[in-house]
Amino acid sequence: MKIATWNVERLKYKRELPQIIEICNQIAADIFVLTETDSALKPNHNSCFQTLPSTDAFVPYHSSEKRVAIYTNCELVGQHETFNGQTAICAELLTDYGNLIVYGVVMGVFGNRHQNFMTDLPHILSDIERLATLGKHLCLCGDFNCSFSDNYYYTKAGRAAIEETIKKTNLELLTRNQPECIDHIAISRKFFNTSAVRVDEWNSDKKLSDHKGIFVELKR
């Protein structure tokens, strides 16, 4: 099973859209969380669940843009409410490993130095803690605007808050050790505890977006 995420920078390099689509299809993720995306980018998946159009006046968005979209070939079991439907979306999916609640998000849509990051973060983490009480497997996935293995891009307060919630909810940050990585995938330990885990990335030169793409592959 493969789960991937990529911030495509609002398709800043739209001329490269065919290449971006081709890469997304080559990744062949069972669950693919795209952030800062656009409806023009449509990977080859059966279903798509996406956030509401942004109404934020600070940075105007086009009607086709979405902050988060979950693409998947898994069957939808149901959707769960998030603190802000423009910033986070949550879908419960039926996977080969059982039901998985996938919470796709951008933590701080204007970066971690903007007040929005520390304003939204407690609400995001509160969502995660609430979902964890449902007793189901959980996946937190998307743009965290925070690196964990180096000093690439983070705030001490933001990193500490995310770490605390990950520990409290028995998630494992599988992408923790990737250098210069602010897009992450954290999954309930019990969901993958009998699996071999492979982590890999693409767009390391950041020519198609200012974010690297990253995936985790679970094998039983």
Protein backbone atom coordinates (compact mmCIF):
# COMPACT_ATOMS: atom_id res chain seq x y z
CA MET A 1 0.00 0.00 0.00
CA LYS A 2 1.32 3.41 -0.93
CA ILE A 3 0.40 6.85 0.50
CA ALA A 4 1.83 10.02 -1.06
CA THR A 5 1.66 13.77 -0.64
CA TRP A 6 2.89 16.75 -2.66
CA ASN A 7 2.42 20.50 -2.49
CA VAL A 8 2.31 21.57 -6.15
CA GLU A 9 2.65 25.31 -5.35
CA ARG A 10 -0.65 26.35 -6.91
CA LEU A 11 0.65 25.05 -10.25
CA LYS A 12 3.16 27.87 -10.50
CA TYR A 13 4.84 25.88 -13.28
CA LYS A 14 1.63 25.24 -15.17
CA ARG A 15 3.50 24.75 -18.44
CA GLU A 16 4.88 21.60 -16.83
CA LEU A 17 1.40 20.29 -16.01
CA PRO A 18 1.66 17.24 -18.32
CA GLN A 19 4.90 16.22 -16.60
CA ILE A 20 3.40 16.81 -13.14
CA ILE A 21 0.40 14.63 -14.02
CA GLU A 22 2.67 11.94 -15.44
CA ILE A 23 4.73 11.87 -12.23
CA CYS A 24 1.61 11.64 -10.07
CA ASN A 25 0.38 8.71 -12.14
CA GLN A 26 3.78 6.99 -12.03
CA ILE A 27 3.80 7.19 -8.23
CA ALA A 28 0.63 5.07 -8.37
CA ALA A 29 -0.35 5.81 -4.78
CA ASP A 30 -3.43 4.19 -3.32
CA ILE A 31 -3.99 7.45 -1.46
CA PHE A 32 -2.52 10.70 -2.80
CA VAL A 33 -2.92 13.96 -0.87
CA LEU A 34 -2.18 16.98 -3.07
CA THR A 35 -1.92 20.39 -1.45
CA GLU A 36 -2.05 23.89 -2.96
CA THR A 37 -3.49 22.17 -6.00
CA ASP A 38 -5.83 22.93 -8.88
CA SER A 39 -8.65 21.08 -10.60
CA ALA A 40 -6.52 21.09 -13.78
CA LEU A 41 -4.32 18.51 -12.06
CA LYS A 42 -6.25 15.23 -12.14
CA PRO A 43 -4.23 12.11 -11.34
CA ASN A 44 -5.57 8.79 -12.52
CA HIS A 45 -7.62 7.81 -9.48
CA ASN A 46 -11.22 6.72 -9.08
CA SER A 47 -12.26 9.32 -6.50
CA CYS A 48 -11.36 12.81 -5.33
CA PHE A 49 -12.35 14.59 -2.12
CA GLN A 50 -11.31 18.23 -1.80
CA THR A 51 -11.55 21.26 0.43
CA LEU A 52 -13.96 24.07 -0.23
CA PRO A 53 -12.80 27.01 -2.37
CA SER A 54 -10.74 29.52 -0.41
CA THR A 55 -12.34 32.85 0.43
CA ASP A 56 -9.24 34.28 2.13
CA ALA A 57 -8.68 37.87 1.01
CA PHE A 58 -5.02 37.86 2.08
CA VAL A 59 -4.02 35.83 -0.99
CA PRO A 60 -6.79 35.54 -3.61
CA TYR A 61 -7.35 32.05 -4.99
CA HIS A 62 -8.76 31.12 -8.39
CA SER A 63 -12.03 29.20 -8.34
CA SER A 64 -10.25 26.11 -9.67
CA GLU A 65 -7.69 26.07 -6.82
CA LYS A 66 -8.04 23.88 -3.74
CA ARG A 67 -5.78 23.80 -0.70
CA VAL A 68 -6.16 20.05 -0.25
CA ALA A 69 -7.40 17.20 -2.44
CA ILE A 70 -7.40 13.50 -1.57
CA TYR A 71 -7.20 11.23 -4.61
CA THR A 72 -7.75 7.54 -4.07
CA ASN A 73 -8.80 4.21 -5.49
CA CYS A 74 -10.14 3.15 -2.09
CA GLU A 75 -13.83 3.02 -1.30
CA LEU A 76 -15.21 5.93 0.75
CA VAL A 77 -16.72 4.83 4.07
CA GLY A 78 -17.59 8.34 5.20
CA GLN A 79 -16.30 11.85 5.80
CA HIS A 80 -15.49 13.57 9.09
CA GLU A 81 -15.83 17.24 9.94
CA THR A 82 -12.73 19.45 10.14
CA PHE A 83 -12.25 22.79 11.87
CA ASN A 84 -12.05 24.58 8.52
CA GLY A 85 -13.36 23.06 5.30
CA GLN A 86 -11.11 25.33 3.26
CA THR A 87 -7.89 24.12 4.91
CA ALA A 88 -8.43 20.48 5.86
CA ILE A 89 -10.48 17.55 4.63
CA CYS A 90 -11.03 14.18 6.24
CA ALA A 91 -12.15 11.00 4.48
CA GLU A 92 -12.51 7.53 5.96
CA LEU A 93 -11.43 4.97 3.39
CA LEU A 94 -11.65 1.20 3.11
CA THR A 95 -8.13 -0.10 2.42
CA ASP A 96 -6.63 -3.58 2.14
CA TYR A 97 -5.38 -3.07 5.71
CA GLY A 98 -8.78 -2.00 7.06
CA ASN A 99 -10.51 1.35 7.48
CA LEU A 100 -8.22 4.38 7.55
CA ILE A 101 -9.23 7.94 8.43
CA VAL A 102 -7.17 10.23 6.18
CA TYR A 103 -6.83 13.83 7.36
CA GLY A 104 -5.36 15.98 4.57
CA VAL A 105 -4.21 19.45 5.57
CA VAL A 106 -2.05 22.51 5.03
CA MET A 107 -0.77 23.65 8.42
CA GLY A 108 -0.42 27.40 8.06
CA VAL A 109 -1.50 28.24 4.53
CA PHE A 110 0.82 31.28 4.43
CA GLY A 111 3.86 29.61 5.97
CA ASN A 112 4.93 29.05 9.56
CA ARG A 113 5.99 32.67 10.14
CA HIS A 114 2.53 34.04 9.47
CA GLN A 115 0.16 34.41 12.43
CA ASN A 116 -2.22 32.06 10.65
CA PHE A 117 0.09 29.10 11.43
CA MET A 118 -0.12 29.39 15.21
CA THR A 119 -3.79 30.37 15.04
CA ASP A 120 -4.84 27.35 12.98
CA LEU A 121 -2.45 24.77 14.44
CA PRO A 122 -4.30 24.21 17.75
CA HIS A 123 -7.52 23.61 15.82
CA ILE A 124 -5.82 21.14 13.46
CA LEU A 125 -4.26 19.24 16.35
CA SER A 126 -7.57 19.27 18.20
CA ASP A 127 -9.16 17.65 15.12
CA ILE A 128 -6.51 14.92 15.20
CA GLU A 129 -6.98 14.25 18.91
CA ARG A 130 -10.77 14.09 18.44
CA LEU A 131 -10.49 11.68 15.51
CA ALA A 132 -8.07 9.50 17.49
CA THR A 133 -10.78 8.94 20.12
CA LEU A 134 -12.92 7.13 17.52
CA GLY A 135 -10.70 4.08 17.96
CA LYS A 136 -9.92 3.79 14.27
CA HIS A 137 -6.68 3.91 12.31
CA LEU A 138 -5.66 7.44 11.40
CA CYS A 139 -3.38 9.06 8.81
CA LEU A 140 -2.31 12.70 9.10
CA CYS A 141 -0.96 13.80 5.75
CA GLY A 142 -0.05 16.98 3.89
CA ASP A 143 1.97 20.18 4.21
CA PHE A 144 3.06 20.59 7.84
CA ASN A 145 5.26 23.63 7.12
CA CYS A 146 7.73 22.04 9.51
CA SER A 147 10.84 19.91 9.15
CA PHE A 148 11.75 17.45 11.91
CA SER A 149 15.21 16.09 11.10
CA ASP A 150 17.02 19.37 10.52
CA ASN A 151 16.75 23.16 10.78
CA TYR A 152 15.47 23.57 7.23
CA TYR A 153 12.11 25.19 8.06
CA TYR A 154 10.36 25.11 11.41
CA THR A 155 9.38 26.98 14.53
CA LYS A 156 10.15 25.55 17.96
CA ALA A 157 6.59 26.06 19.17
CA GLY A 158 5.06 24.54 16.05
CA ARG A 159 7.34 21.52 16.02
CA ALA A 160 6.78 20.87 19.74
CA ALA A 161 2.99 21.07 19.40
CA ILE A 162 2.91 18.69 16.44
CA GLU A 163 5.27 16.25 18.16
CA GLU A 164 3.12 16.26 21.31
CA THR A 165 -0.06 15.43 19.40
CA ILE A 166 1.64 12.72 17.34
CA LYS A 167 2.83 11.08 20.56
CA LYS A 168 -0.50 11.52 22.34
CA THR A 169 -2.48 9.94 19.49
CA ASN A 170 -0.08 7.00 18.93
CA LEU A 171 0.86 8.08 15.44
CA GLU A 172 4.24 7.43 13.85
CA LEU A 173 5.77 10.19 11.72
CA LEU A 174 7.12 7.95 8.98
CA THR A 175 8.71 10.84 7.06
CA ARG A 176 10.49 12.31 10.09
CA ASN A 177 14.04 11.65 8.89
CA GLN A 178 13.73 13.07 5.39
CA PRO A 179 16.03 16.11 5.02
CA GLU A 180 14.59 19.45 3.92
CA CYS A 181 11.13 17.96 4.16
CA ILE A 182 8.07 19.87 5.37
CA ASP A 183 5.42 17.60 3.84
CA HIS A 184 4.72 14.57 5.97
CA ILE A 185 2.80 11.36 6.52
CA ALA A 186 1.99 10.14 10.03
CA ILE A 187 0.02 6.91 10.55
CA SER A 188 -1.38 5.00 13.52
CA ARG A 189 1.28 2.57 14.72
CA LYS A 190 -1.18 -0.32 14.83
CA PHE A 191 -2.02 0.20 11.16
CA PHE A 192 1.44 -0.68 9.90
CA ASN A 193 3.13 -2.49 12.80
CA THR A 194 3.55 -5.73 10.84
CA SER A 195 4.65 -3.95 7.68
CA ALA A 196 7.97 -3.12 6.12
CA VAL A 197 8.01 0.61 5.45
CA ARG A 198 9.76 2.29 2.52
CA VAL A 199 9.99 6.08 2.26
CA ASP A 200 10.97 7.84 -0.95
CA GLU A 201 10.68 11.26 -2.55
CA TRP A 202 10.71 13.03 -5.89
CA ASN A 203 11.15 16.58 -7.24
CA SER A 204 14.26 16.87 -5.06
CA ASP A 205 15.56 19.66 -7.30
CA LYS A 206 12.27 21.54 -6.74
CA LYS A 207 11.89 22.43 -10.40
CA LEU A 208 8.20 21.56 -10.59
CA SER A 209 7.26 23.02 -7.20
CA ASP A 210 9.06 24.49 -4.21
CA HIS A 211 8.19 21.30 -2.28
CA LYS A 212 9.51 17.80 -2.66
CA GLY A 213 6.93 15.07 -3.09
CA ILE A 214 7.09 12.13 -0.67
CA PHE A 215 5.50 8.72 -0.26
CA VAL A 216 5.48 5.82 2.15
CA GLU A 217 4.98 2.26 0.99
CA LEU A 218 3.75 -0.40 3.40
CA LYS A 219 4.37 -4.05 2.61
CA ARG A 220 3.08 -7.06 4.51
